C-alpha atoms as a PDB file:
ATOM      1  CA  MET A   1      -1.643 -10.998 -20.426  1.00  0.00           C
ATOM      2  CA  THR A   2      -0.425 -14.111 -18.856  1.00  0.00           C
ATOM      3  CA  ALA A   3       0.417 -13.349 -15.221  1.00  0.00           C
ATOM      4  CA  ARG A   4       3.390 -15.296 -13.632  1.00  0.00           C
ATOM      5  CA  ASP A   5       2.723 -17.143  -9.955  1.00  0.00           C
ATOM      6  CA  THR A   6       2.521 -14.760  -7.301  1.00  0.00           C
ATOM      7  CA  ASP A   7       5.430 -14.379  -4.731  1.00  0.00           C
ATOM      8  CA  TRP A   8       3.030 -14.402  -2.062  1.00  0.00           C
ATOM      9  CA  ASP A   9       0.870 -17.612  -2.286  1.00  0.00           C
ATOM     10  CA  GLY A  10      -0.496 -18.499   1.283  1.00  0.00           C
ATOM     11  CA  VAL A  11      -0.340 -14.654   2.313  1.00  0.00           C
ATOM     12  CA  ARG A  12      -3.976 -13.492   3.011  1.00  0.00           C
ATOM     13  CA  LEU A  13      -3.412 -10.241   4.901  1.00  0.00           C
ATOM     14  CA  HIS A  14      -1.226  -7.643   2.835  1.00  0.00           C
ATOM     15  CA  VAL A  15      -0.329  -4.647   4.846  1.00  0.00           C
ATOM     16  CA  VAL A  16       0.997  -1.560   2.670  1.00  0.00           C
ATOM     17  CA  THR A  17       2.925   1.195   4.428  1.00  0.00           C
ATOM     18  CA  GLY A  18       5.336   3.970   2.962  1.00  0.00           C
ATOM     19  CA  LYS A  19       6.542   7.230   3.736  1.00  0.00           C
ATOM     20  CA  GLY A  20       3.963  10.118   3.007  1.00  0.00           C
ATOM     21  CA  GLY A  21       3.866  11.255  -0.620  1.00  0.00           C
ATOM     22  CA  THR A  22       4.836   8.115  -2.102  1.00  0.00           C
ATOM     23  CA  GLY A  23       1.457   6.726  -3.238  1.00  0.00           C
ATOM     24  CA  LYS A  24       0.853   4.214  -0.522  1.00  0.00           C
ATOM     25  CA  THR A  25      -2.878   4.267  -0.794  1.00  0.00           C
ATOM     26  CA  THR A  26      -2.915   4.309  -4.483  1.00  0.00           C
ATOM     27  CA  VAL A  27      -0.625   1.130  -4.593  1.00  0.00           C
ATOM     28  CA  ALA A  28      -2.886  -0.435  -1.809  1.00  0.00           C
ATOM     29  CA  ALA A  29      -5.656  -0.053  -3.961  1.00  0.00           C
ATOM     30  CA  ALA A  30      -4.102  -1.326  -7.205  1.00  0.00           C
ATOM     31  CA  LEU A  31      -2.818  -4.166  -4.993  1.00  0.00           C
ATOM     32  CA  ALA A  32      -6.475  -4.914  -4.388  1.00  0.00           C
ATOM     33  CA  LEU A  33      -7.718  -4.861  -7.931  1.00  0.00           C
ATOM     34  CA  ALA A  34      -4.600  -7.108  -8.776  1.00  0.00           C
ATOM     35  CA  LEU A  35      -5.598  -9.701  -6.154  1.00  0.00           C
ATOM     36  CA  ALA A  36      -9.300  -9.282  -7.208  1.00  0.00           C
ATOM     37  CA  HIS A  37      -9.231 -11.785 -10.357  1.00  0.00           C
ATOM     38  CA  GLY A  38     -10.994 -15.018 -11.126  1.00  0.00           C
ATOM     39  CA  GLY A  39     -13.830 -14.317  -9.057  1.00  0.00           C
ATOM     40  CA  ARG A  40     -11.771 -13.728  -5.910  1.00  0.00           C
ATOM     41  CA  LYS A  41     -13.475 -11.401  -3.268  1.00  0.00           C
ATOM     42  CA  VAL A  42     -10.921  -8.839  -1.705  1.00  0.00           C
ATOM     43  CA  LEU A  43     -11.404  -6.216   1.258  1.00  0.00           C
ATOM     44  CA  LEU A  44      -9.273  -2.792   0.963  1.00  0.00           C
ATOM     45  CA  ILE A  45      -9.173  -1.388   4.306  1.00  0.00           C
ATOM     46  CA  GLU A  46      -8.163   2.154   5.194  1.00  0.00           C
ATOM     47  CA  ALA A  47      -6.790   2.992   8.620  1.00  0.00           C
ATOM     48  CA  GLU A  48      -6.368   6.598   8.630  1.00  0.00           C
ATOM     49  CA  GLY A  49      -9.738   7.929   8.069  1.00  0.00           C
ATOM     50  CA  ARG A  50      -8.778  10.074   5.225  1.00  0.00           C
ATOM     51  CA  GLN A  51     -11.089   8.813   2.822  1.00  0.00           C
ATOM     52  CA  GLY A  52      -8.374   8.274   0.181  1.00  0.00           C
ATOM     53  CA  ILE A  53      -9.944   5.036  -1.168  1.00  0.00           C
ATOM     54  CA  ALA A  54     -13.265   6.928  -1.968  1.00  0.00           C
ATOM     55  CA  ARG A  55     -11.641   9.550  -3.694  1.00  0.00           C
ATOM     56  CA  LEU A  56      -9.324   7.019  -5.747  1.00  0.00           C
ATOM     57  CA  PHE A  57     -12.500   5.021  -6.892  1.00  0.00           C
ATOM     58  CA  ASP A  58     -14.608   8.287  -7.415  1.00  0.00           C
ATOM     59  CA  ARG A  59     -17.009   7.409  -4.780  1.00  0.00           C
ATOM     60  CA  PRO A  60     -18.606   9.435  -2.093  1.00  0.00           C
ATOM     61  CA  PRO A  61     -17.195   9.125   1.453  1.00  0.00           C
ATOM     62  CA  LEU A  62     -17.300   5.615   2.698  1.00  0.00           C
ATOM     63  CA  PRO A  63     -19.291   4.982   5.921  1.00  0.00           C
ATOM     64  CA  TYR A  64     -18.140   2.436   8.641  1.00  0.00           C
ATOM     65  CA  GLY A  65     -19.017  -0.792   6.624  1.00  0.00           C
ATOM     66  CA  GLU A  66     -17.977  -3.125   4.024  1.00  0.00           C
ATOM     67  CA  ARG A  67     -19.261  -2.350   0.462  1.00  0.00           C
ATOM     68  CA  LYS A  68     -18.373  -3.179  -2.943  1.00  0.00           C
ATOM     69  CA  ILE A  69     -16.544  -0.547  -4.828  1.00  0.00           C
ATOM     70  CA  ALA A  70     -14.784  -2.133  -7.977  1.00  0.00           C
ATOM     71  CA  ILE A  71     -14.608  -5.284  -9.955  1.00  0.00           C
ATOM     72  CA  GLY A  72     -11.123  -6.710 -10.704  1.00  0.00           C
ATOM     73  CA  PRO A  73      -9.750  -7.757 -14.093  1.00  0.00           C
ATOM     74  CA  GLY A  74     -10.958 -11.070 -15.624  1.00  0.00           C
ATOM     75  CA  GLU A  75      -8.112 -13.452 -16.797  1.00  0.00           C
ATOM     76  CA  ALA A  76     -10.239 -14.377 -20.134  1.00  0.00           C
ATOM     77  CA  ASP A  77     -12.100 -12.352 -22.572  1.00  0.00           C
ATOM     78  CA  ASP A  78     -14.673 -15.081 -23.214  1.00  0.00           C
ATOM     79  CA  GLY A  79     -16.139 -14.647 -19.502  1.00  0.00           C
ATOM     80  CA  ARG A  80     -15.184 -17.932 -18.196  1.00  0.00           C
ATOM     81  CA  ASP A  81     -12.521 -16.526 -15.715  1.00  0.00           C
ATOM     82  CA  PRO A  82     -14.497 -13.315 -14.574  1.00  0.00           C
ATOM     83  CA  GLY A  83     -13.092 -10.702 -12.559  1.00  0.00           C
ATOM     84  CA  GLY A  84     -13.501 -10.609  -8.699  1.00  0.00           C
ATOM     85  CA  ASP A  85     -14.943  -7.838  -6.320  1.00  0.00           C
ATOM     86  CA  VAL A  86     -13.354  -5.274  -4.446  1.00  0.00           C
ATOM     87  CA  TYR A  87     -15.046  -4.139  -1.191  1.00  0.00           C
ATOM     88  CA  ALA A  88     -13.797  -1.345   0.888  1.00  0.00           C
ATOM     89  CA  LEU A  89     -13.889  -0.413   4.672  1.00  0.00           C
ATOM     90  CA  ALA A  90     -12.879   2.916   5.857  1.00  0.00           C
ATOM     91  CA  ILE A  91     -12.362   2.072   9.888  1.00  0.00           C
ATOM     92  CA  ASP A  92     -12.571   4.681  12.513  1.00  0.00           C
ATOM     93  CA  PRO A  93     -11.689   3.706  16.057  1.00  0.00           C
ATOM     94  CA  GLU A  94     -15.100   4.416  17.512  1.00  0.00           C
ATOM     95  CA  GLY A  95     -16.954   1.966  15.001  1.00  0.00           C
ATOM     96  CA  ALA A  96     -14.355  -0.764  15.755  1.00  0.00           C
ATOM     97  CA  LEU A  97     -14.759  -0.176  19.697  1.00  0.00           C
ATOM     98  CA  LEU A  98     -18.630  -0.553  19.277  1.00  0.00           C
ATOM     99  CA  ASP A  99     -17.600  -3.663  17.285  1.00  0.00           C
ATOM    100  CA  TYR A 100     -15.809  -5.060  19.978  1.00  0.00           C
ATOM    101  CA  LEU A 101     -17.980  -4.267  22.811  1.00  0.00           C
ATOM    102  CA  GLN A 102     -20.800  -6.145  20.678  1.00  0.00           C
ATOM    103  CA  MET A 103     -18.195  -9.058  19.764  1.00  0.00           C
ATOM    104  CA  PHE A 104     -17.090  -9.717  23.296  1.00  0.00           C
ATOM    105  CA  TYR A 105     -19.785  -8.259  25.464  1.00  0.00           C
ATOM    106  CA  ASN A 106     -23.033  -8.147  23.494  1.00  0.00           C
ATOM    107  CA  MET A 107     -23.165  -4.380  24.484  1.00  0.00           C
ATOM    108  CA  ARG A 108     -23.456  -2.508  21.376  1.00  0.00           C
ATOM    109  CA  GLY A 109     -26.237  -0.561  22.606  1.00  0.00           C
ATOM    110  CA  ILE A 110     -24.174   0.686  25.562  1.00  0.00           C
ATOM    111  CA  GLY A 111     -21.359   1.416  23.493  1.00  0.00           C
ATOM    112  CA  SER A 112     -23.352   3.807  21.396  1.00  0.00           C
ATOM    113  CA  ALA A 113     -24.506   5.415  24.099  1.00  0.00           C
ATOM    114  CA  LEU A 114     -20.896   5.716  25.484  1.00  0.00           C
ATOM    115  CA  ASN A 115     -19.880   7.253  22.111  1.00  0.00           C
ATOM    116  CA  LYS A 116     -22.627  10.080  22.433  1.00  0.00           C
ATOM    117  CA  LEU A 117     -21.360  10.823  25.812  1.00  0.00           C
ATOM    118  CA  GLY A 118     -17.822  11.527  24.099  1.00  0.00           C
ATOM    119  CA  MET A 119     -16.358   8.510  26.269  1.00  0.00           C
ATOM    120  CA  VAL A 120     -15.266   6.620  23.083  1.00  0.00           C
ATOM    121  CA  ASP A 121     -13.027   9.332  22.060  1.00  0.00           C
ATOM    122  CA  PHE A 122     -11.728   9.953  25.816  1.00  0.00           C
ATOM    123  CA  ALA A 123     -10.872   6.116  25.984  1.00  0.00           C
ATOM    124  CA  THR A 124      -8.878   6.105  22.522  1.00  0.00           C
ATOM    125  CA  THR A 125      -7.171   9.507  23.318  1.00  0.00           C
ATOM    126  CA  ILE A 126      -5.743   8.276  26.753  1.00  0.00           C
ATOM    127  CA  ALA A 127      -4.835   4.889  25.456  1.00  0.00           C
ATOM    128  CA  PRO A 128      -3.503   5.447  21.840  1.00  0.00           C
ATOM    129  CA  GLY A 129      -2.336   1.887  21.609  1.00  0.00           C
ATOM    130  CA  LEU A 130      -5.992   0.673  22.163  1.00  0.00           C
ATOM    131  CA  THR A 131      -6.795   2.629  18.806  1.00  0.00           C
ATOM    132  CA  ASP A 132      -4.189   0.290  16.996  1.00  0.00           C
ATOM    133  CA  VAL A 133      -5.589  -2.795  18.612  1.00  0.00           C
ATOM    134  CA  LEU A 134      -8.976  -1.903  17.346  1.00  0.00           C
ATOM    135  CA  ILE A 135      -7.800  -1.203  13.829  1.00  0.00           C
ATOM    136  CA  THR A 136      -5.572  -4.100  13.428  1.00  0.00           C
ATOM    137  CA  GLY A 137      -8.258  -6.309  15.080  1.00  0.00           C
ATOM    138  CA  LYS A 138     -10.801  -5.455  12.626  1.00  0.00           C
ATOM    139  CA  ALA A 139      -8.361  -6.217   9.505  1.00  0.00           C
ATOM    140  CA  THR A 140      -7.411  -9.650  11.209  1.00  0.00           C
ATOM    141  CA  GLU A 141     -10.971 -10.487  12.016  1.00  0.00           C
ATOM    142  CA  ALA A 142     -11.760  -9.809   8.242  1.00  0.00           C
ATOM    143  CA  THR A 143      -8.943 -12.019   7.146  1.00  0.00           C
ATOM    144  CA  ARG A 144      -9.794 -14.983   9.505  1.00  0.00           C
ATOM    145  CA  ARG A 145     -13.923 -14.585   9.032  1.00  0.00           C
ATOM    146  CA  LYS A 146     -15.244 -17.961   7.692  1.00  0.00           C
ATOM    147  CA  GLN A 147     -17.996 -18.737   5.125  1.00  0.00           C
ATOM    148  CA  PRO A 148     -18.751 -22.313   4.665  1.00  0.00           C
ATOM    149  CA  GLY A 149     -19.225 -23.226   0.840  1.00  0.00           C
ATOM    150  CA  SER A 150     -17.016 -20.550  -0.653  1.00  0.00           C
ATOM    151  CA  PRO A 151     -14.190 -22.014  -2.529  1.00  0.00           C
ATOM    152  CA  SER A 152     -11.476 -20.547   0.044  1.00  0.00           C
ATOM    153  CA  GLY A 153     -13.538 -21.466   2.973  1.00  0.00           C
ATOM    154  CA  PHE A 154     -13.326 -17.546   4.070  1.00  0.00           C
ATOM    155  CA  VAL A 155     -15.306 -14.511   2.993  1.00  0.00           C
ATOM    156  CA  TYR A 156     -12.471 -12.655   1.824  1.00  0.00           C
ATOM    157  CA  ASP A 157      -9.668 -14.352  -0.284  1.00  0.00           C
ATOM    158  CA  ALA A 158      -7.582 -11.519   0.739  1.00  0.00           C
ATOM    159  CA  VAL A 159      -7.408  -8.387   2.639  1.00  0.00           C
ATOM    160  CA  VAL A 160      -5.319  -5.221   2.175  1.00  0.00           C
ATOM    161  CA  LEU A 161      -4.710  -2.798   4.577  1.00  0.00           C
ATOM    162  CA  ASP A 162      -3.771   0.837   3.953  1.00  0.00           C
ATOM    163  CA  ALA A 163      -1.614   1.200   6.989  1.00  0.00           C
ATOM    164  CA  PRO A 164       0.098   4.131   8.563  1.00  0.00           C
ATOM    165  CA  PRO A 165       3.158   5.759   7.231  1.00  0.00           C
ATOM    166  CA  THR A 166       6.600   3.768   7.554  1.00  0.00           C
ATOM    167  CA  GLY A 167       7.472   5.626  10.817  1.00  0.00           C
ATOM    168  CA  ARG A 168       4.493   4.434  12.840  1.00  0.00           C
ATOM    169  CA  VAL A 169       3.892   0.913  11.016  1.00  0.00           C
ATOM    170  CA  GLY A 170       6.178  -1.002  13.559  1.00  0.00           C
ATOM    171  CA  ARG A 171       4.349   0.272  16.645  1.00  0.00           C
ATOM    172  CA  PHE A 172       0.731  -0.054  14.856  1.00  0.00           C
ATOM    173  CA  LEU A 173       1.174  -3.805  14.175  1.00  0.00           C
ATOM    174  CA  ASN A 174       3.374  -4.529  17.321  1.00  0.00           C
ATOM    175  CA  VAL A 175      -0.056  -4.844  18.897  1.00  0.00           C
ATOM    176  CA  SER A 176       0.749  -6.974  22.041  1.00  0.00           C
ATOM    177  CA  ALA A 177       3.667  -5.068  23.438  1.00  0.00           C
ATOM    178  CA  GLU A 178       1.437  -1.793  22.828  1.00  0.00           C
ATOM    179  CA  VAL A 179      -1.442  -3.213  25.023  1.00  0.00           C
ATOM    180  CA  SER A 180       0.778  -4.954  27.806  1.00  0.00           C
ATOM    181  CA  GLY A 181       0.541  -1.853  29.874  1.00  0.00           C
ATOM    182  CA  LEU A 182      -3.129  -1.822  29.339  1.00  0.00           C
ATOM    183  CA  ALA A 183      -4.094  -5.274  30.409  1.00  0.00           C
ATOM    184  CA  LYS A 184      -2.148  -8.212  31.184  1.00  0.00           C
ATOM    185  CA  VAL A 185      -4.980 -10.489  31.353  1.00  0.00           C
ATOM    186  CA  GLY A 186      -8.743 -10.323  30.021  1.00  0.00           C
ATOM    187  CA  PRO A 187     -10.609 -10.033  26.658  1.00  0.00           C
ATOM    188  CA  ILE A 188      -8.601  -6.931  25.568  1.00  0.00           C
ATOM    189  CA  ARG A 189      -5.387  -8.766  26.187  1.00  0.00           C
ATOM    190  CA  THR A 190      -6.896 -12.181  24.720  1.00  0.00           C
ATOM    191  CA  HIS A 191      -8.132  -9.870  21.826  1.00  0.00           C
ATOM    192  CA  ALA A 192      -4.604  -8.166  21.108  1.00  0.00           C
ATOM    193  CA  ASP A 193      -2.941 -11.635  21.270  1.00  0.00           C
ATOM    194  CA  SER A 194      -5.273 -13.234  18.800  1.00  0.00           C
ATOM    195  CA  VAL A 195      -4.542  -9.923  16.324  1.00  0.00           C
ATOM    196  CA  ALA A 196      -0.810 -10.679  16.901  1.00  0.00           C
ATOM    197  CA  ASN A 197      -1.138 -14.488  16.127  1.00  0.00           C
ATOM    198  CA  VAL A 198      -2.150 -13.361  12.572  1.00  0.00           C
ATOM    199  CA  ILE A 199      -0.041 -10.542  12.149  1.00  0.00           C
ATOM    200  CA  LYS A 200       2.959 -12.621  13.262  1.00  0.00           C
ATOM    201  CA  SER A 201       2.355 -15.489  10.740  1.00  0.00           C
ATOM    202  CA  PRO A 202       3.126 -16.591   7.367  1.00  0.00           C
ATOM    203  CA  GLN A 203      -0.322 -15.433   6.298  1.00  0.00           C
ATOM    204  CA  THR A 204       0.579 -11.886   6.667  1.00  0.00           C
ATOM    205  CA  ALA A 205       3.271  -9.755   4.881  1.00  0.00           C
ATOM    206  CA  VAL A 206       4.357  -6.116   4.989  1.00  0.00           C
ATOM    207  CA  HIS A 207       4.905  -4.220   1.786  1.00  0.00           C
ATOM    208  CA  PHE A 208       6.649  -1.002   1.640  1.00  0.00           C
ATOM    209  CA  VAL A 209       6.030   1.582  -1.069  1.00  0.00           C
ATOM    210  CA  CYS A 210       8.903   3.904  -1.984  1.00  0.00           C
ATOM    211  CA  THR A 211      10.187   6.418  -4.584  1.00  0.00           C
ATOM    212  CA  LEU A 212      13.803   6.388  -5.764  1.00  0.00           C
ATOM    213  CA  GLU A 213      14.449   9.394  -3.376  1.00  0.00           C
ATOM    214  CA  GLU A 214      16.865   9.629  -0.326  1.00  0.00           C
ATOM    215  CA  MET A 215      14.548   9.925   2.556  1.00  0.00           C
ATOM    216  CA  PRO A 216      11.789   7.501   1.127  1.00  0.00           C
ATOM    217  CA  VAL A 217      14.684   4.999   0.477  1.00  0.00           C
ATOM    218  CA  GLN A 218      16.058   5.537   3.927  1.00  0.00           C
ATOM    219  CA  GLU A 219      12.657   5.275   5.615  1.00  0.00           C
ATOM    220  CA  THR A 220      11.748   2.075   3.696  1.00  0.00           C
ATOM    221  CA  LEU A 221      15.224   0.452   4.625  1.00  0.00           C
ATOM    222  CA  ASP A 222      14.566   1.488   8.527  1.00  0.00           C
ATOM    223  CA  GLY A 223      10.977   0.179   8.232  1.00  0.00           C
ATOM    224  CA  ILE A 224      12.542  -3.165   6.982  1.00  0.00           C
ATOM    225  CA  ALA A 225      15.087  -3.405   9.665  1.00  0.00           C
ATOM    226  CA  GLU A 226      12.444  -2.734  12.258  1.00  0.00           C
ATOM    227  CA  MET A 227      10.111  -5.458  11.114  1.00  0.00           C
ATOM    228  CA  ARG A 228      12.755  -7.631  11.210  1.00  0.00           C
ATOM    229  CA  ALA A 229      14.167  -6.445  14.708  1.00  0.00           C
ATOM    230  CA  ILE A 230      10.514  -7.010  16.040  1.00  0.00           C
ATOM    231  CA  GLY A 231      10.414 -10.557  15.198  1.00  0.00           C
ATOM    232  CA  GLY A 232       7.727 -12.592  13.602  1.00  0.00           C
ATOM    233  CA  MET A 233       6.817 -10.204  10.981  1.00  0.00           C
ATOM    234  CA  GLN A 234       7.156 -11.173   7.356  1.00  0.00           C
ATOM    235  CA  VAL A 235       8.620  -8.465   5.259  1.00  0.00           C
ATOM    236  CA  GLY A 236       6.878  -8.185   1.725  1.00  0.00           C
ATOM    237  CA  GLY A 237       7.789  -6.407  -1.484  1.00  0.00           C
ATOM    238  CA  ILE A 238       9.452  -3.177  -2.211  1.00  0.00           C
ATOM    239  CA  ILE A 239       7.107  -1.478  -4.448  1.00  0.00           C
ATOM    240  CA  ILE A 240       9.089   1.324  -6.172  1.00  0.00           C
ATOM    241  CA  ASN A 241       5.984   3.867  -7.359  1.00  0.00           C
ATOM    242  CA  LYS A 242       6.145   6.898  -9.751  1.00  0.00           C
ATOM    243  CA  THR A 243       8.997   5.544 -11.774  1.00  0.00           C
ATOM    244  CA  PRO A 244       9.582   8.023 -14.574  1.00  0.00           C
ATOM    245  CA  PRO A 245      10.040   6.975 -18.301  1.00  0.00           C
ATOM    246  CA  ALA A 246      13.585   6.353 -19.478  1.00  0.00           C
ATOM    247  CA  VAL A 247      14.037   9.203 -22.074  1.00  0.00           C
ATOM    248  CA  LEU A 248      17.706   8.301 -22.896  1.00  0.00           C
ATOM    249  CA  SER A 249      19.756   5.219 -22.494  1.00  0.00           C
ATOM    250  CA  ARG A 250      22.411   5.157 -19.582  1.00  0.00           C
ATOM    251  CA  GLU A 251      25.101   5.313 -22.462  1.00  0.00           C
ATOM    252  CA  GLU A 252      23.564   8.380 -23.967  1.00  0.00           C
ATOM    253  CA  LEU A 253      23.554  10.018 -20.653  1.00  0.00           C
ATOM    254  CA  LYS A 254      27.383   9.368 -20.030  1.00  0.00           C
ATOM    255  CA  ALA A 255      28.289  10.709 -23.642  1.00  0.00           C
ATOM    256  CA  PRO A 256      29.420  14.301 -23.554  1.00  0.00           C
ATOM    257  CA  PRO A 257      26.832  16.560 -25.253  1.00  0.00           C
ATOM    258  CA  ASP A 258      27.823  18.073 -28.769  1.00  0.00           C
ATOM    259  CA  LEU A 259      27.029  21.609 -28.421  1.00  0.00           C
ATOM    260  CA  ALA A 260      27.596  22.458 -31.997  1.00  0.00           C
ATOM    261  CA  ALA A 261      25.417  19.902 -33.255  1.00  0.00           C
ATOM    262  CA  MET A 262      22.760  20.933 -30.880  1.00  0.00           C
ATOM    263  CA  ALA A 263      22.811  24.457 -31.981  1.00  0.00           C
ATOM    264  CA  GLU A 264      22.704  23.233 -35.674  1.00  0.00           C
ATOM    265  CA  VAL A 265      19.557  21.095 -34.916  1.00  0.00           C
ATOM    266  CA  LEU A 266      17.912  24.142 -32.991  1.00  0.00           C
ATOM    267  CA  GLY A 267      18.779  26.485 -35.752  1.00  0.00           C
ATOM    268  CA  GLU A 268      17.070  23.904 -38.325  1.00  0.00           C
ATOM    269  CA  ALA A 269      13.960  24.307 -36.019  1.00  0.00           C
ATOM    270  CA  GLY A 270      13.660  27.874 -36.660  1.00  0.00           C
ATOM    271  CA  LEU A 271      14.959  29.124 -33.212  1.00  0.00           C
ATOM    272  CA  HIS A 272      17.344  31.925 -32.369  1.00  0.00           C
ATOM    273  CA  SER A 273      20.503  32.231 -30.015  1.00  0.00           C
ATOM    274  CA  THR A 274      20.889  28.786 -30.720  1.00  0.00           C
ATOM    275  CA  ASP A 275      24.647  28.405 -28.809  1.00  0.00           C
ATOM    276  CA  THR A 276      22.777  29.982 -25.472  1.00  0.00           C
ATOM    277  CA  LEU A 277      19.839  27.386 -25.715  1.00  0.00           C
ATOM    278  CA  ALA A 278      22.216  24.500 -26.554  1.00  0.00           C
ATOM    279  CA  ALA A 279      24.366  25.270 -23.301  1.00  0.00           C
ATOM    280  CA  SER A 280      21.122  25.570 -21.188  1.00  0.00           C
ATOM    281  CA  LEU A 281      19.926  22.064 -22.761  1.00  0.00           C
ATOM    282  CA  ALA A 282      23.349  20.763 -21.866  1.00  0.00           C
ATOM    283  CA  GLU A 283      22.904  22.068 -18.378  1.00  0.00           C
ATOM    284  CA  GLU A 284      19.351  20.186 -18.214  1.00  0.00           C
ATOM    285  CA  LEU A 285      20.865  16.914 -19.634  1.00  0.00           C
ATOM    286  CA  ALA A 286      23.584  16.771 -17.126  1.00  0.00           C
ATOM    287  CA  GLU A 287      21.167  17.591 -14.079  1.00  0.00           C
ATOM    288  CA  HIS A 288      18.907  14.781 -15.455  1.00  0.00           C
ATOM    289  CA  ALA A 289      22.085  12.618 -15.692  1.00  0.00           C
ATOM    290  CA  ARG A 290      22.853  13.377 -12.298  1.00  0.00           C
ATOM    291  CA  THR A 291      19.295  12.564 -11.035  1.00  0.00           C
ATOM    292  CA  VAL A 292      19.349   8.865 -12.885  1.00  0.00           C
ATOM    293  CA  GLU A 293      22.309   8.368 -11.045  1.00  0.00           C
ATOM    294  CA  LEU A 294      21.035   9.066  -7.852  1.00  0.00           C
ATOM    295  CA  ALA A 295      18.138   6.898  -8.641  1.00  0.00           C
ATOM    296  CA  ASP A 296      20.064   4.079  -9.696  1.00  0.00           C
ATOM    297  CA  LEU A 297      22.151   4.193  -6.329  1.00  0.00           C
ATOM    298  CA  ALA A 298      18.881   4.172  -4.595  1.00  0.00           C
ATOM    299  CA  HIS A 299      17.448   1.394  -6.434  1.00  0.00           C
ATOM    300  CA  ALA A 300      20.910  -0.790  -5.680  1.00  0.00           C
ATOM    301  CA  GLU A 301      20.326  -0.038  -1.936  1.00  0.00           C
ATOM    302  CA  LEU A 302      16.785  -1.269  -1.896  1.00  0.00           C
ATOM    303  CA  ASP A 303      18.039  -4.352  -4.029  1.00  0.00           C
ATOM    304  CA  ALA A 304      20.419  -4.964  -1.173  1.00  0.00           C
ATOM    305  CA  ALA A 305      17.766  -5.295   1.289  1.00  0.00           C
ATOM    306  CA  GLY A 306      17.220  -8.637  -0.401  1.00  0.00           C
ATOM    307  CA  GLN A 307      13.361  -8.536  -0.814  1.00  0.00           C
ATOM    308  CA  PRO A 308      11.124  -8.782  -4.190  1.00  0.00           C
ATOM    309  CA  MET A 309      11.028  -5.672  -5.815  1.00  0.00           C
ATOM    310  CA  TYR A 310       8.366  -4.180  -8.214  1.00  0.00           C
ATOM    311  CA  GLU A 311       8.319  -1.055 -10.226  1.00  0.00           C
ATOM    312  CA  LEU A 312       4.999   1.106 -10.990  1.00  0.00           C
ATOM    313  CA  PRO A 313       5.237   3.721 -13.665  1.00  0.00           C
ATOM    314  CA  LEU A 314       4.536   7.418 -12.989  1.00  0.00           C
ATOM    315  CA  ILE A 315       1.259   8.438 -14.444  1.00  0.00           C
ATOM    316  CA  ALA A 316       1.633  11.911 -15.172  1.00  0.00           C
ATOM    317  CA  GLU A 317      -2.044  12.728 -16.172  1.00  0.00           C
ATOM    318  CA  GLY A 318      -3.118  11.623 -12.537  1.00  0.00           C
ATOM    319  CA  ILE A 319      -4.881   8.686 -11.134  1.00  0.00           C
ATOM    320  CA  ASP A 320      -8.339   7.164 -11.950  1.00  0.00           C
ATOM    321  CA  LEU A 321      -9.980   4.102 -12.087  1.00  0.00           C
ATOM    322  CA  ALA A 322      -8.191   3.098 -15.422  1.00  0.00           C
ATOM    323  CA  ALA A 323      -4.894   4.174 -14.151  1.00  0.00           C
ATOM    324  CA  LEU A 324      -5.702   2.094 -11.105  1.00  0.00           C
ATOM    325  CA  HIS A 325      -6.364  -1.039 -13.348  1.00  0.00           C
ATOM    326  CA  ARG A 326      -3.157  -0.206 -15.345  1.00  0.00           C
ATOM    327  CA  LEU A 327      -0.949  -0.038 -12.128  1.00  0.00           C
ATOM    328  CA  ALA A 328      -2.929  -3.532 -11.259  1.00  0.00           C
ATOM    329  CA  ALA A 329      -1.932  -5.248 -14.306  1.00  0.00           C
ATOM    330  CA  ASP A 330       1.897  -4.149 -13.981  1.00  0.00           C
ATOM    331  CA  LEU A 331       1.737  -5.633 -10.244  1.00  0.00           C
ATOM    332  CA  ARG A 332       0.215  -9.093 -11.628  1.00  0.00           C
ATOM    333  CA  GLU A 333       2.728  -9.244 -14.568  1.00  0.00           C
ATOM    334  CA  GLN A 334       5.657  -8.821 -12.055  1.00  0.00           C
ATOM    335  CA  GLY A 335       4.315 -11.520  -9.761  1.00  0.00           C
ATOM    336  CA  ALA A 336       3.121  -9.316  -6.627  1.00  0.00           C
ATOM    337  CA  ALA A 337      -0.492 -10.515  -6.627  1.00  0.00           C
END
């Protein structure tokens, strides 16, 4: 398969959000695999501490540390264009705060002592905006981290952040506003500003995962509007997930069912009460037609948002590593990575 050029050249931090239940973490993992081609190195970050990445890749719970969890697809069968590496990081606020203390004050030992005393939990509880700064700060630090001698000049060619759900992502990303009441000046404010400089730049895109249902569609549209209202945020693609296979064409769905013909076929199959069964099947067909019509309307609403759109299939048998590679291939083929 030959992938077309990506829609997101120049983007190094891919923020993935979506309403709960849309498969946000699955799509983030597939996107990381899609980006890890041709020897590229990608970091997949989980921000909510649910260990969803570990479960998807069939790994034990991830500690607070960057570690390799998968190999991306190669672009050639002869080995001349090898797959890249996917690393994962499950962020927790405590670990991020210890990193922060070490980075700015060389005080990791004191931070560990504070953690044992419960002061880290206390600090992040009374200042919830600080937690978002620490988590986004870790993601942007990984995005900026340099490595002399690497082809890109960076440790990671791309970073994928599995962010909070759509209803909270605006506040999560708008770190400067969140910390304005915590610190007007000083290292915390400087750190927050450096985070915002990455997030509100062309190297970051916020992608929305959605299913073709009323609530996820509305939350996606609201989230896109929020990103645009904040200013400086680059809205990424809309990734429509769990798209069911097309069983019948739109023309077939519009045609009135032939109950007599349906009953005849059912009879030939050896079934009884064929008229009743045919009527029940006709009702199921009508309900399916209404579902498809609503999905088409939802698709049109999303299309009107004016962002690139990608569609991923419903994988009824469940998500494993092979399924993630299948979704990654779909994303690459459609130009998302």
